[in-house]
Amino acid sequence: QLQISIPLSEQTIDITMDSKELNDKGVLTSET
């Protein structure tokens, strides 16, 4: 999931991402 949170009902707002940017690596191991 990629998420972004937008504050509401404020005079000034910060738009911040709740989660860090996705950067995952992995290896799919084979059967024999």
PDB file of all heavy atoms in Angstrom:
ATOM      1  N   GLN A   1       0.838  -1.199   0.000  1.00  0.00           N
ATOM      2  CA  GLN A   1       0.000   0.000   0.000  1.00  0.00           C
ATOM      3  C   GLN A   1       0.872   1.248   0.000  1.00  0.00           C
ATOM      4  O   GLN A   1       1.875   1.310   0.727  1.00  0.00           O
ATOM      5  CB  GLN A   1      -0.923   0.023   1.227  1.00  0.00           C
ATOM      6  CG  GLN A   1      -1.980  -1.058   1.226  1.00  0.00           C
ATOM      7  CD  GLN A   1      -2.904  -0.947   2.433  1.00  0.00           C
ATOM      8  OE1 GLN A   1      -2.593  -0.263   3.406  1.00  0.00           O
ATOM      9  NE2 GLN A   1      -4.058  -1.595   2.361  1.00  0.00           N
ATOM     10  N   LEU A   2       0.484   2.202  -0.827  1.00  0.00           N
ATOM     11  CA  LEU A   2       1.077   3.542  -0.795  1.00  0.00           C
ATOM     12  C   LEU A   2      -0.002   4.496  -0.307  1.00  0.00           C
ATOM     13  O   LEU A   2      -1.111   4.496  -0.846  1.00  0.00           O
ATOM     14  CB  LEU A   2       1.563   3.957  -2.183  1.00  0.00           C
ATOM     15  CG  LEU A   2       2.638   3.081  -2.835  1.00  0.00           C
ATOM     16  CD1 LEU A   2       2.954   3.611  -4.229  1.00  0.00           C
ATOM     17  CD2 LEU A   2       3.891   3.043  -1.994  1.00  0.00           C
ATOM     18  N   GLN A   3       0.320   5.297   0.710  1.00  0.00           N
ATOM     19  CA  GLN A   3      -0.696   6.165   1.315  1.00  0.00           C
ATOM     20  C   GLN A   3      -0.215   7.611   1.411  1.00  0.00           C
ATOM     21  O   GLN A   3       0.981   7.865   1.583  1.00  0.00           O
ATOM     22  CB  GLN A   3      -1.069   5.675   2.724  1.00  0.00           C
ATOM     23  CG  GLN A   3      -1.977   4.469   2.732  1.00  0.00           C
ATOM     24  CD  GLN A   3      -2.463   4.145   4.133  1.00  0.00           C
ATOM     25  OE1 GLN A   3      -1.855   4.543   5.118  1.00  0.00           O
ATOM     26  NE2 GLN A   3      -3.578   3.436   4.224  1.00  0.00           N
ATOM     27  N   ILE A   4      -1.172   8.497   1.314  1.00  0.00           N
ATOM     28  CA  ILE A   4      -0.910   9.913   1.566  1.00  0.00           C
ATOM     29  C   ILE A   4      -2.059  10.457   2.399  1.00  0.00           C
ATOM     30  O   ILE A   4      -3.220  10.100   2.204  1.00  0.00           O
ATOM     31  CB  ILE A   4      -0.770  10.705   0.244  1.00  0.00           C
ATOM     32  CG1 ILE A   4      -0.415  12.154   0.527  1.00  0.00           C
ATOM     33  CG2 ILE A   4      -2.008  10.589  -0.610  1.00  0.00           C
ATOM     34  CD1 ILE A   4      -0.057  12.942  -0.723  1.00  0.00           C
ATOM     35  N   SER A   5      -1.726  11.276   3.376  1.00  0.00           N
ATOM     36  CA  SER A   5      -2.724  11.806   4.298  1.00  0.00           C
ATOM     37  C   SER A   5      -2.852  13.319   4.097  1.00  0.00           C
ATOM     38  O   SER A   5      -1.854  14.045   4.171  1.00  0.00           O
ATOM     39  CB  SER A   5      -2.302  11.501   5.737  1.00  0.00           C
ATOM     40  OG  SER A   5      -3.196  12.073   6.651  1.00  0.00           O
ATOM     41  N   ILE A   6      -4.085  13.802   3.853  1.00  0.00           N
ATOM     42  CA  ILE A   6      -4.355  15.226   3.623  1.00  0.00           C
ATOM     43  C   ILE A   6      -5.190  15.762   4.791  1.00  0.00           C
ATOM     44  O   ILE A   6      -6.343  15.348   4.974  1.00  0.00           O
ATOM     45  CB  ILE A   6      -5.114  15.428   2.306  1.00  0.00           C
ATOM     46  CG1 ILE A   6      -4.329  14.812   1.143  1.00  0.00           C
ATOM     47  CG2 ILE A   6      -5.395  16.899   2.066  1.00  0.00           C
ATOM     48  CD1 ILE A   6      -5.076  14.832  -0.175  1.00  0.00           C
ATOM     49  N   PRO A   7      -4.628  16.656   5.598  1.00  0.00           N
ATOM     50  CA  PRO A   7      -5.400  17.230   6.717  1.00  0.00           C
ATOM     51  C   PRO A   7      -6.577  18.074   6.201  1.00  0.00           C
ATOM     52  O   PRO A   7      -6.509  18.682   5.143  1.00  0.00           O
ATOM     53  CB  PRO A   7      -4.378  18.089   7.435  1.00  0.00           C
ATOM     54  CG  PRO A   7      -3.056  17.558   7.014  1.00  0.00           C
ATOM     55  CD  PRO A   7      -3.237  17.093   5.620  1.00  0.00           C
ATOM     56  N   LEU A   8      -7.656  18.089   6.977  1.00  0.00           N
ATOM     57  CA  LEU A   8      -8.846  18.860   6.626  1.00  0.00           C
ATOM     58  C   LEU A   8      -9.208  19.798   7.776  1.00  0.00           C
ATOM     59  O   LEU A   8      -8.791  19.590   8.929  1.00  0.00           O
ATOM     60  CB  LEU A   8     -10.022  17.920   6.323  1.00  0.00           C
ATOM     61  CG  LEU A   8      -9.863  16.944   5.160  1.00  0.00           C
ATOM     62  CD1 LEU A   8     -11.012  15.951   5.144  1.00  0.00           C
ATOM     63  CD2 LEU A   8      -9.777  17.684   3.826  1.00  0.00           C
ATOM     64  N   SER A   9     -10.011  20.821   7.428  1.00  0.00           N
ATOM     65  CA  SER A   9     -10.558  21.749   8.427  1.00  0.00           C
ATOM     66  C   SER A   9      -9.470  22.436   9.237  1.00  0.00           C
ATOM     67  O   SER A   9      -9.548  22.547  10.450  1.00  0.00           O
ATOM     68  CB  SER A   9     -11.523  20.994   9.356  1.00  0.00           C
ATOM     69  OG  SER A   9     -12.224  21.896  10.171  1.00  0.00           O
ATOM     70  N   GLU A  10      -8.421  22.873   8.532  1.00  0.00           N
ATOM     71  CA  GLU A  10      -7.339  23.618   9.169  1.00  0.00           C
ATOM     72  C   GLU A  10      -7.101  24.899   8.361  1.00  0.00           C
ATOM     73  O   GLU A  10      -7.385  24.964   7.162  1.00  0.00           O
ATOM     74  CB  GLU A  10      -6.051  22.785   9.194  1.00  0.00           C
ATOM     75  CG  GLU A  10      -6.161  21.466   9.943  1.00  0.00           C
ATOM     76  CD  GLU A  10      -6.244  21.657  11.445  1.00  0.00           C
ATOM     77  OE1 GLU A  10      -5.925  22.767  11.915  1.00  0.00           O
ATOM     78  OE2 GLU A  10      -6.621  20.698  12.142  1.00  0.00           O
ATOM     79  N   GLN A  11      -6.541  25.913   9.035  1.00  0.00           N
ATOM     80  CA  GLN A  11      -6.233  27.140   8.311  1.00  0.00           C
ATOM     81  C   GLN A  11      -5.040  26.942   7.382  1.00  0.00           C
ATOM     82  O   GLN A  11      -5.042  27.373   6.227  1.00  0.00           O
ATOM     83  CB  GLN A  11      -5.960  28.284   9.303  1.00  0.00           C
ATOM     84  CG  GLN A  11      -7.197  28.771  10.039  1.00  0.00           C
ATOM     85  CD  GLN A  11      -6.913  29.967  10.925  1.00  0.00           C
ATOM     86  OE1 GLN A  11      -5.769  30.211  11.315  1.00  0.00           O
ATOM     87  NE2 GLN A  11      -7.950  30.732  11.236  1.00  0.00           N
ATOM     88  N   THR A  12      -4.017  26.314   7.920  1.00  0.00           N
ATOM     89  CA  THR A  12      -2.881  25.927   7.082  1.00  0.00           C
ATOM     90  C   THR A  12      -2.661  24.439   7.270  1.00  0.00           C
ATOM     91  O   THR A  12      -2.903  23.887   8.356  1.00  0.00           O
ATOM     92  CB  THR A  12      -1.599  26.681   7.493  1.00  0.00           C
ATOM     93  OG1 THR A  12      -1.279  26.375   8.855  1.00  0.00           O
ATOM     94  CG2 THR A  12      -1.785  28.182   7.308  1.00  0.00           C
ATOM     95  N   ILE A  13      -2.205  23.818   6.229  1.00  0.00           N
ATOM     96  CA  ILE A  13      -2.105  22.357   6.314  1.00  0.00           C
ATOM     97  C   ILE A  13      -0.748  21.884   5.819  1.00  0.00           C
ATOM     98  O   ILE A  13      -0.078  22.525   5.015  1.00  0.00           O
ATOM     99  CB  ILE A  13      -3.212  21.669   5.498  1.00  0.00           C
ATOM    100  CG1 ILE A  13      -3.057  21.983   3.995  1.00  0.00           C
ATOM    101  CG2 ILE A  13      -4.584  22.050   5.995  1.00  0.00           C
ATOM    102  CD1 ILE A  13      -3.999  21.186   3.116  1.00  0.00           C
ATOM    103  N   ASP A  14      -0.375  20.752   6.358  1.00  0.00           N
ATOM    104  CA  ASP A  14       0.762  19.992   5.844  1.00  0.00           C
ATOM    105  C   ASP A  14       0.199  18.726   5.212  1.00  0.00           C
ATOM    106  O   ASP A  14      -0.639  18.038   5.816  1.00  0.00           O
ATOM    107  CB  ASP A  14       1.716  19.591   6.978  1.00  0.00           C
ATOM    108  CG  ASP A  14       2.545  20.771   7.454  1.00  0.00           C
ATOM    109  OD1 ASP A  14       2.984  21.547   6.591  1.00  0.00           O
ATOM    110  OD2 ASP A  14       2.738  20.894   8.678  1.00  0.00           O
ATOM    111  N   ILE A  15       0.615  18.415   4.024  1.00  0.00           N
ATOM    112  CA  ILE A  15       0.225  17.152   3.402  1.00  0.00           C
ATOM    113  C   ILE A  15       1.400  16.199   3.572  1.00  0.00           C
ATOM    114  O   ILE A  15       2.493  16.454   3.047  1.00  0.00           O
ATOM    115  CB  ILE A  15      -0.116  17.340   1.924  1.00  0.00           C
ATOM    116  CG1 ILE A  15      -1.279  18.331   1.769  1.00  0.00           C
ATOM    117  CG2 ILE A  15      -0.465  16.011   1.274  1.00  0.00           C
ATOM    118  CD1 ILE A  15      -1.645  18.643   0.337  1.00  0.00           C
ATOM    119  N   THR A  16       1.192  15.160   4.330  1.00  0.00           N
ATOM    120  CA  THR A  16       2.287  14.239   4.638  1.00  0.00           C
ATOM    121  C   THR A  16       1.903  12.815   4.244  1.00  0.00           C
ATOM    122  O   THR A  16       0.725  12.451   4.239  1.00  0.00           O
ATOM    123  CB  THR A  16       2.612  14.253   6.135  1.00  0.00           C
ATOM    124  OG1 THR A  16       1.442  13.899   6.872  1.00  0.00           O
ATOM    125  CG2 THR A  16       3.087  15.625   6.564  1.00  0.00           C
ATOM    126  N   MET A  17       2.909  12.044   3.920  1.00  0.00           N
ATOM    127  CA  MET A  17       2.704  10.625   3.625  1.00  0.00           C
ATOM    128  C   MET A  17       2.824   9.834   4.916  1.00  0.00           C
ATOM    129  O   MET A  17       3.799   9.994   5.658  1.00  0.00           O
ATOM    130  CB  MET A  17       3.730  10.143   2.601  1.00  0.00           C
ATOM    131  CG  MET A  17       3.467  10.635   1.185  1.00  0.00           C
ATOM    132  SD  MET A  17       4.668  10.011  -0.008  1.00  0.00           S
ATOM    133  CE  MET A  17       6.108  10.977   0.421  1.00  0.00           C
ATOM    134  N   ASP A  18       1.830   9.002   5.170  1.00  0.00           N
ATOM    135  CA  ASP A  18       1.860   8.185   6.383  1.00  0.00           C
ATOM    136  C   ASP A  18       2.928   7.099   6.307  1.00  0.00           C
ATOM    137  O   ASP A  18       3.462   6.690   7.323  1.00  0.00           O
ATOM    138  CB  ASP A  18       0.491   7.538   6.620  1.00  0.00           C
ATOM    139  CG  ASP A  18      -0.512   8.558   7.170  1.00  0.00           C
ATOM    140  OD1 ASP A  18      -0.064   9.623   7.618  1.00  0.00           O
ATOM    141  OD2 ASP A  18      -1.718   8.284   7.131  1.00  0.00           O
ATOM    142  N   SER A  19       3.197   6.554   5.130  1.00  0.00           N
ATOM    143  CA  SER A  19       4.179   5.483   4.986  1.00  0.00           C
ATOM    144  C   SER A  19       5.356   5.963   4.153  1.00  0.00           C
ATOM    145  O   SER A  19       5.226   6.875   3.338  1.00  0.00           O
ATOM    146  CB  SER A  19       3.547   4.251   4.330  1.00  0.00           C
ATOM    147  OG  SER A  19       3.065   4.578   3.046  1.00  0.00           O
ATOM    148  N   LYS A  20       6.481   5.342   4.398  1.00  0.00           N
ATOM    149  CA  LYS A  20       7.658   5.685   3.636  1.00  0.00           C
ATOM    150  C   LYS A  20       7.510   5.184   2.208  1.00  0.00           C
ATOM    151  O   LYS A  20       6.692   4.330   1.907  1.00  0.00           O
ATOM    152  CB  LYS A  20       8.895   5.053   4.277  1.00  0.00           C
ATOM    153  CG  LYS A  20       9.221   5.585   5.662  1.00  0.00           C
ATOM    154  CD  LYS A  20      10.462   4.920   6.215  1.00  0.00           C
ATOM    155  CE  LYS A  20      10.782   5.435   7.607  1.00  0.00           C
ATOM    156  NZ  LYS A  20      11.986   4.791   8.170  1.00  0.00           N
ATOM    157  N   GLU A  21       8.336   5.718   1.354  1.00  0.00           N
ATOM    158  CA  GLU A  21       8.326   5.246  -0.024  1.00  0.00           C
ATOM    159  C   GLU A  21       8.750   3.780  -0.056  1.00  0.00           C
ATOM    160  O   GLU A  21       9.615   3.350   0.706  1.00  0.00           O
ATOM    161  CB  GLU A  21       9.268   6.091  -0.888  1.00  0.00           C
ATOM    162  CG  GLU A  21       8.775   7.522  -1.096  1.00  0.00           C
ATOM    163  CD  GLU A  21       9.641   8.299  -2.063  1.00  0.00           C
ATOM    164  OE1 GLU A  21      10.759   7.835  -2.340  1.00  0.00           O
ATOM    165  OE2 GLU A  21       9.193   9.350  -2.546  1.00  0.00           O
ATOM    166  N   LEU A  22       8.117   3.032  -0.921  1.00  0.00           N
ATOM    167  CA  LEU A  22       8.351   1.589  -1.011  1.00  0.00           C
ATOM    168  C   LEU A  22       9.630   1.322  -1.790  1.00  0.00           C
ATOM    169  O   LEU A  22       9.820   1.835  -2.896  1.00  0.00           O
ATOM    170  CB  LEU A  22       7.153   0.923  -1.693  1.00  0.00           C
ATOM    171  CG  LEU A  22       7.247  -0.589  -1.916  1.00  0.00           C
ATOM    172  CD1 LEU A  22       7.315  -1.319  -0.579  1.00  0.00           C
ATOM    173  CD2 LEU A  22       6.052  -1.080  -2.729  1.00  0.00           C
ATOM    174  N   ASN A  23      10.487   0.498  -1.176  1.00  0.00           N
ATOM    175  CA  ASN A  23      11.727   0.116  -1.855  1.00  0.00           C
ATOM    176  C   ASN A  23      12.162  -1.242  -1.300  1.00  0.00           C
ATOM    177  O   ASN A  23      13.040  -1.339  -0.461  1.00  0.00           O
ATOM    178  CB  ASN A  23      12.806   1.179  -1.625  1.00  0.00           C
ATOM    179  CG  ASN A  23      14.041   0.926  -2.471  1.00  0.00           C
ATOM    180  OD1 ASN A  23      14.064   0.043  -3.311  1.00  0.00           O
ATOM    181  ND2 ASN A  23      15.081   1.719  -2.238  1.00  0.00           N
ATOM    182  N   ASP A  24      11.524  -2.273  -1.791  1.00  0.00           N
ATOM    183  CA  ASP A  24      11.762  -3.626  -1.288  1.00  0.00           C
ATOM    184  C   ASP A  24      12.453  -4.480  -2.334  1.00  0.00           C
ATOM    185  O   ASP A  24      12.120  -4.413  -3.523  1.00  0.00           O
ATOM    186  CB  ASP A  24      10.439  -4.296  -0.894  1.00  0.00           C
ATOM    187  CG  ASP A  24       9.869  -3.708   0.383  1.00  0.00           C
ATOM    188  OD1 ASP A  24      10.621  -3.033   1.105  1.00  0.00           O
ATOM    189  OD2 ASP A  24       8.666  -3.909   0.639  1.00  0.00           O
ATOM    190  N   LYS A  25      13.386  -5.305  -1.862  1.00  0.00           N
ATOM    191  CA  LYS A  25      14.081  -6.249  -2.734  1.00  0.00           C
ATOM    192  C   LYS A  25      13.962  -7.646  -2.140  1.00  0.00           C
ATOM    193  O   LYS A  25      13.830  -7.819  -0.936  1.00  0.00           O
ATOM    194  CB  LYS A  25      15.555  -5.874  -2.878  1.00  0.00           C
ATOM    195  CG  LYS A  25      15.799  -4.543  -3.574  1.00  0.00           C
ATOM    196  CD  LYS A  25      17.285  -4.258  -3.683  1.00  0.00           C
ATOM    197  CE  LYS A  25      17.528  -2.920  -4.387  1.00  0.00           C
ATOM    198  NZ  LYS A  25      18.976  -2.608  -4.504  1.00  0.00           N
ATOM    199  N   GLY A  26      14.004  -8.632  -3.007  1.00  0.00           N
ATOM    200  CA  GLY A  26      13.920 -10.006  -2.539  1.00  0.00           C
ATOM    201  C   GLY A  26      14.392 -10.986  -3.588  1.00  0.00           C
ATOM    202  O   GLY A  26      14.660 -10.620  -4.737  1.00  0.00           O
ATOM    203  N   VAL A  27      14.504 -12.238  -3.168  1.00  0.00           N
ATOM    204  CA  VAL A  27      14.937 -13.308  -4.069  1.00  0.00           C
ATOM    205  C   VAL A  27      13.945 -14.456  -3.969  1.00  0.00           C
ATOM    206  O   VAL A  27      13.598 -14.892  -2.862  1.00  0.00           O
ATOM    207  CB  VAL A  27      16.351 -13.814  -3.716  1.00  0.00           C
ATOM    208  CG1 VAL A  27      16.741 -14.982  -4.619  1.00  0.00           C
ATOM    209  CG2 VAL A  27      17.365 -12.686  -3.849  1.00  0.00           C
ATOM    210  N   LEU A  28      13.488 -14.914  -5.113  1.00  0.00           N
ATOM    211  CA  LEU A  28      12.614 -16.088  -5.169  1.00  0.00           C
ATOM    212  C   LEU A  28      13.500 -17.309  -5.353  1.00  0.00           C
ATOM    213  O   LEU A  28      14.108 -17.495  -6.406  1.00  0.00           O
ATOM    214  CB  LEU A  28      11.614 -15.971  -6.319  1.00  0.00           C
ATOM    215  CG  LEU A  28      10.750 -14.712  -6.331  1.00  0.00           C
ATOM    216  CD1 LEU A  28       9.887 -14.685  -7.587  1.00  0.00           C
ATOM    217  CD2 LEU A  28       9.883 -14.655  -5.098  1.00  0.00           C
ATOM    218  N   THR A  29      13.610 -18.122  -4.304  1.00  0.00           N
ATOM    219  CA  THR A  29      14.470 -19.295  -4.393  1.00  0.00           C
ATOM    220  C   THR A  29      13.766 -20.402  -5.146  1.00  0.00           C
ATOM    221  O   THR A  29      12.552 -20.556  -5.070  1.00  0.00           O
ATOM    222  CB  THR A  29      14.851 -19.798  -2.994  1.00  0.00           C
ATOM    223  OG1 THR A  29      13.664 -20.084  -2.259  1.00  0.00           O
ATOM    224  CG2 THR A  29      15.666 -18.745  -2.259  1.00  0.00           C
ATOM    225  N   SER A  30      14.551 -21.161  -5.867  1.00  0.00           N
ATOM    226  CA  SER A  30      13.976 -22.236  -6.676  1.00  0.00           C
ATOM    227  C   SER A  30      13.966 -23.525  -5.890  1.00  0.00           C
ATOM    228  O   SER A  30      14.717 -23.709  -4.934  1.00  0.00           O
ATOM    229  CB  SER A  30      14.785 -22.437  -7.958  1.00  0.00           C
ATOM    230  OG  SER A  30      16.086 -22.883  -7.647  1.00  0.00           O
ATOM    231  N   GLU A  31      13.103 -24.427  -6.304  1.00  0.00           N
ATOM    232  CA  GLU A  31      13.141 -25.771  -5.786  1.00  0.00           C
ATOM    233  C   GLU A  31      14.334 -26.457  -6.432  1.00  0.00           C
ATOM    234  O   GLU A  31      14.946 -25.927  -7.350  1.00  0.00           O
ATOM    235  CB  GLU A  31      11.848 -26.489  -6.135  1.00  0.00           C
ATOM    236  CG  GLU A  31      10.650 -25.641  -5.778  1.00  0.00           C
ATOM    237  CD  GLU A  31       9.579 -26.434  -5.095  1.00  0.00           C
ATOM    238  OE1 GLU A  31       9.650 -27.643  -5.204  1.00  0.00           O
ATOM    239  OE2 GLU A  31       8.720 -25.823  -4.474  1.00  0.00           O
ATOM    240  N   THR A  32      14.706 -27.621  -5.946  1.00  0.00           N
ATOM    241  CA  THR A  32      15.878 -28.296  -6.489  1.00  0.00           C
ATOM    242  C   THR A  32      15.709 -28.547  -7.974  1.00  0.00           C
ATOM    243  O   THR A  32      14.732 -29.141  -8.413  1.00  0.00           O
ATOM    244  CB  THR A  32      16.098 -29.640  -5.762  1.00  0.00           C
ATOM    245  OG1 THR A  32      16.261 -29.386  -4.379  1.00  0.00           O
ATOM    246  CG2 THR A  32      17.331 -30.334  -6.296  1.00  0.00           C
TER     247      THR A  32
END
